[in-house]
Amino acid sequence: MLIPCPLCGARDSREFTPKGHASYLDRPAEDAPPEAWNDYLHLRENPAGDTRELWFHGAGCGAWLVVERNTVSHAVTGARLAREMRDAG
C-alpha cells in the first residue's frame, strides 16, 4: 500500500505508523466536563469503508498525516498534513 506523503511523495506504508482515527484532532477544551473527555478517550467508531486516519511518517520526514483510506479495500485516496487539517478547523 502506498501513502502519498505531501512532503516526500508516494511512500510504502511500512514507513508509517497508524495512530487512530482523525477525530483525535478534535480534542475537548481543557475545561470540558469529564464526560466529554471520557467520550474523546474511550468512545470510538470503527467504520467499514471510507475514513480519515492519523499516520506518522517515522521512517521519513517525521510528519503527521491525515490519510483518507477505505478500511475494506485498503485503497488510499489522499493524504494531507495533520497540522493543515487542525489549522483549518
C-alpha atoms as a PDB file:
ATOM      1  CA  MET A   1       0.000   0.000   0.000  1.00  0.00           C
ATOM      2  CA  LEU A   2       1.406   3.402  -0.980  1.00  0.00           C
ATOM      3  CA  ILE A   3       0.688   6.521   1.041  1.00  0.00           C
ATOM      4  CA  PRO A   4       1.034   9.887  -0.747  1.00  0.00           C
ATOM      5  CA  CYS A   5       3.089  11.904   1.743  1.00  0.00           C
ATOM      6  CA  PRO A   6       2.664  15.609   0.891  1.00  0.00           C
ATOM      7  CA  LEU A   7       6.354  16.192   1.702  1.00  0.00           C
ATOM      8  CA  CYS A   8       8.038  13.026   0.363  1.00  0.00           C
ATOM      9  CA  GLY A   9       5.727  11.768  -2.373  1.00  0.00           C
ATOM     10  CA  ALA A  10       4.286   8.251  -2.609  1.00  0.00           C
ATOM     11  CA  ARG A  11       5.907   6.029   0.021  1.00  0.00           C
ATOM     12  CA  ASP A  12       5.444   2.436   1.178  1.00  0.00           C
ATOM     13  CA  SER A  13       3.088   2.108   4.144  1.00  0.00           C
ATOM     14  CA  ARG A  14       5.846   0.355   6.140  1.00  0.00           C
ATOM     15  CA  GLU A  15       7.461   3.787   6.613  1.00  0.00           C
ATOM     16  CA  PHE A  16       4.388   4.933   8.571  1.00  0.00           C
ATOM     17  CA  THR A  17       2.706   4.075  11.849  1.00  0.00           C
ATOM     18  CA  PRO A  18      -1.094   4.301  12.021  1.00  0.00           C
ATOM     19  CA  LYS A  19      -2.228   6.141  15.153  1.00  0.00           C
ATOM     20  CA  GLY A  20      -6.025   6.014  15.008  1.00  0.00           C
ATOM     21  CA  HIS A  21      -8.962   7.912  13.657  1.00  0.00           C
ATOM     22  CA  ALA A  22      -8.508  11.560  12.658  1.00  0.00           C
ATOM     23  CA  SER A  23     -11.093  12.558  15.276  1.00  0.00           C
ATOM     24  CA  TYR A  24      -8.139  12.644  17.703  1.00  0.00           C
ATOM     25  CA  LEU A  25      -7.545  16.125  16.284  1.00  0.00           C
ATOM     26  CA  ASP A  26     -10.902  17.261  17.763  1.00  0.00           C
ATOM     27  CA  ARG A  27      -9.841  17.474  21.412  1.00  0.00           C
ATOM     28  CA  PRO A  28     -12.256  18.840  24.001  1.00  0.00           C
ATOM     29  CA  ALA A  29     -11.400  22.144  25.633  1.00  0.00           C
ATOM     30  CA  GLU A  30      -9.213  21.923  28.733  1.00  0.00           C
ATOM     31  CA  ASP A  31     -12.166  22.934  30.903  1.00  0.00           C
ATOM     32  CA  ALA A  32     -14.586  20.480  29.254  1.00  0.00           C
ATOM     33  CA  PRO A  33     -16.602  18.270  31.615  1.00  0.00           C
ATOM     34  CA  PRO A  34     -15.279  14.783  32.413  1.00  0.00           C
ATOM     35  CA  GLU A  35     -17.958  13.231  30.195  1.00  0.00           C
ATOM     36  CA  ALA A  36     -16.513  14.982  27.128  1.00  0.00           C
ATOM     37  CA  TRP A  37     -13.024  13.706  27.941  1.00  0.00           C
ATOM     38  CA  ASN A  38     -14.361  10.207  28.549  1.00  0.00           C
ATOM     39  CA  ASP A  39     -16.068  10.228  25.150  1.00  0.00           C
ATOM     40  CA  TYR A  40     -12.916  11.564  23.472  1.00  0.00           C
ATOM     41  CA  LEU A  41     -10.632   8.979  25.056  1.00  0.00           C
ATOM     42  CA  HIS A  42     -12.788   5.856  25.082  1.00  0.00           C
ATOM     43  CA  LEU A  43     -15.737   6.007  22.679  1.00  0.00           C
ATOM     44  CA  ARG A  44     -14.517   5.400  19.133  1.00  0.00           C
ATOM     45  CA  GLU A  45     -16.229   4.343  15.953  1.00  0.00           C
ATOM     46  CA  ASN A  46     -14.731   1.565  13.872  1.00  0.00           C
ATOM     47  CA  PRO A  47     -16.149   2.252  10.415  1.00  0.00           C
ATOM     48  CA  ALA A  48     -16.071  -0.158   7.497  1.00  0.00           C
ATOM     49  CA  GLY A  49     -15.443   1.902   4.380  1.00  0.00           C
ATOM     50  CA  ASP A  50     -14.109   5.403   3.805  1.00  0.00           C
ATOM     51  CA  THR A  51     -12.427   7.006   6.799  1.00  0.00           C
ATOM     52  CA  ARG A  52      -9.738   9.509   7.789  1.00  0.00           C
ATOM     53  CA  GLU A  53      -6.873   8.285   9.970  1.00  0.00           C
ATOM     54  CA  LEU A  54      -3.773   9.748  11.613  1.00  0.00           C
ATOM     55  CA  TRP A  55      -0.495   8.268  10.380  1.00  0.00           C
ATOM     56  CA  PHE A  56       3.035   9.172  11.499  1.00  0.00           C
ATOM     57  CA  HIS A  57       5.831   9.130   8.888  1.00  0.00           C
ATOM     58  CA  GLY A  58       8.506   7.934  11.298  1.00  0.00           C
ATOM     59  CA  ALA A  59      10.850   6.417   8.687  1.00  0.00           C
ATOM     60  CA  GLY A  60      10.655   9.515   6.526  1.00  0.00           C
ATOM     61  CA  CYS A  61      10.063  13.201   7.143  1.00  0.00           C
ATOM     62  CA  GLY A  62       8.511  12.785  10.614  1.00  0.00           C
ATOM     63  CA  ALA A  63       5.236  14.430   9.590  1.00  0.00           C
ATOM     64  CA  TRP A  64       1.800  13.588  10.963  1.00  0.00           C
ATOM     65  CA  LEU A  65      -0.692  12.950   8.156  1.00  0.00           C
ATOM     66  CA  VAL A  66      -4.433  12.580   7.849  1.00  0.00           C
ATOM     67  CA  VAL A  67      -4.793   9.712   5.385  1.00  0.00           C
ATOM     68  CA  GLU A  68      -8.071   9.117   3.588  1.00  0.00           C
ATOM     69  CA  ARG A  69      -8.454   5.362   3.205  1.00  0.00           C
ATOM     70  CA  ASN A  70     -11.076   2.692   2.661  1.00  0.00           C
ATOM     71  CA  THR A  71     -10.813   0.197   5.521  1.00  0.00           C
ATOM     72  CA  VAL A  72     -12.375  -2.585   3.430  1.00  0.00           C
ATOM     73  CA  SER A  73     -10.294  -2.326   0.238  1.00  0.00           C
ATOM     74  CA  HIS A  74      -7.287  -0.512   1.806  1.00  0.00           C
ATOM     75  CA  ALA A  75      -7.370   1.904  -1.132  1.00  0.00           C
ATOM     76  CA  VAL A  76      -5.734   5.215  -0.182  1.00  0.00           C
ATOM     77  CA  THR A  77      -7.424   8.190  -1.829  1.00  0.00           C
ATOM     78  CA  GLY A  78      -5.380  11.042  -0.359  1.00  0.00           C
ATOM     79  CA  ALA A  79      -3.325  12.467   2.471  1.00  0.00           C
ATOM     80  CA  ARG A  80      -2.815  15.907   3.992  1.00  0.00           C
ATOM     81  CA  LEU A  81      -0.577  17.245   6.717  1.00  0.00           C
ATOM     82  CA  ALA A  82      -2.375  16.959  10.046  1.00  0.00           C
ATOM     83  CA  ARG A  83      -1.332  20.473  11.039  1.00  0.00           C
ATOM     84  CA  GLU A  84      -3.131  21.849   7.961  1.00  0.00           C
ATOM     85  CA  MET A  85      -6.299  19.968   8.926  1.00  0.00           C
ATOM     86  CA  ARG A  86      -6.017  21.207  12.533  1.00  0.00           C
ATOM     87  CA  ASP A  87      -5.405  24.821  11.495  1.00  0.00           C
ATOM     88  CA  ALA A  88      -8.306  24.729   9.013  1.00  0.00           C
ATOM     89  CA  GLY A  89     -10.626  23.802  11.880  1.00  0.00           C
END
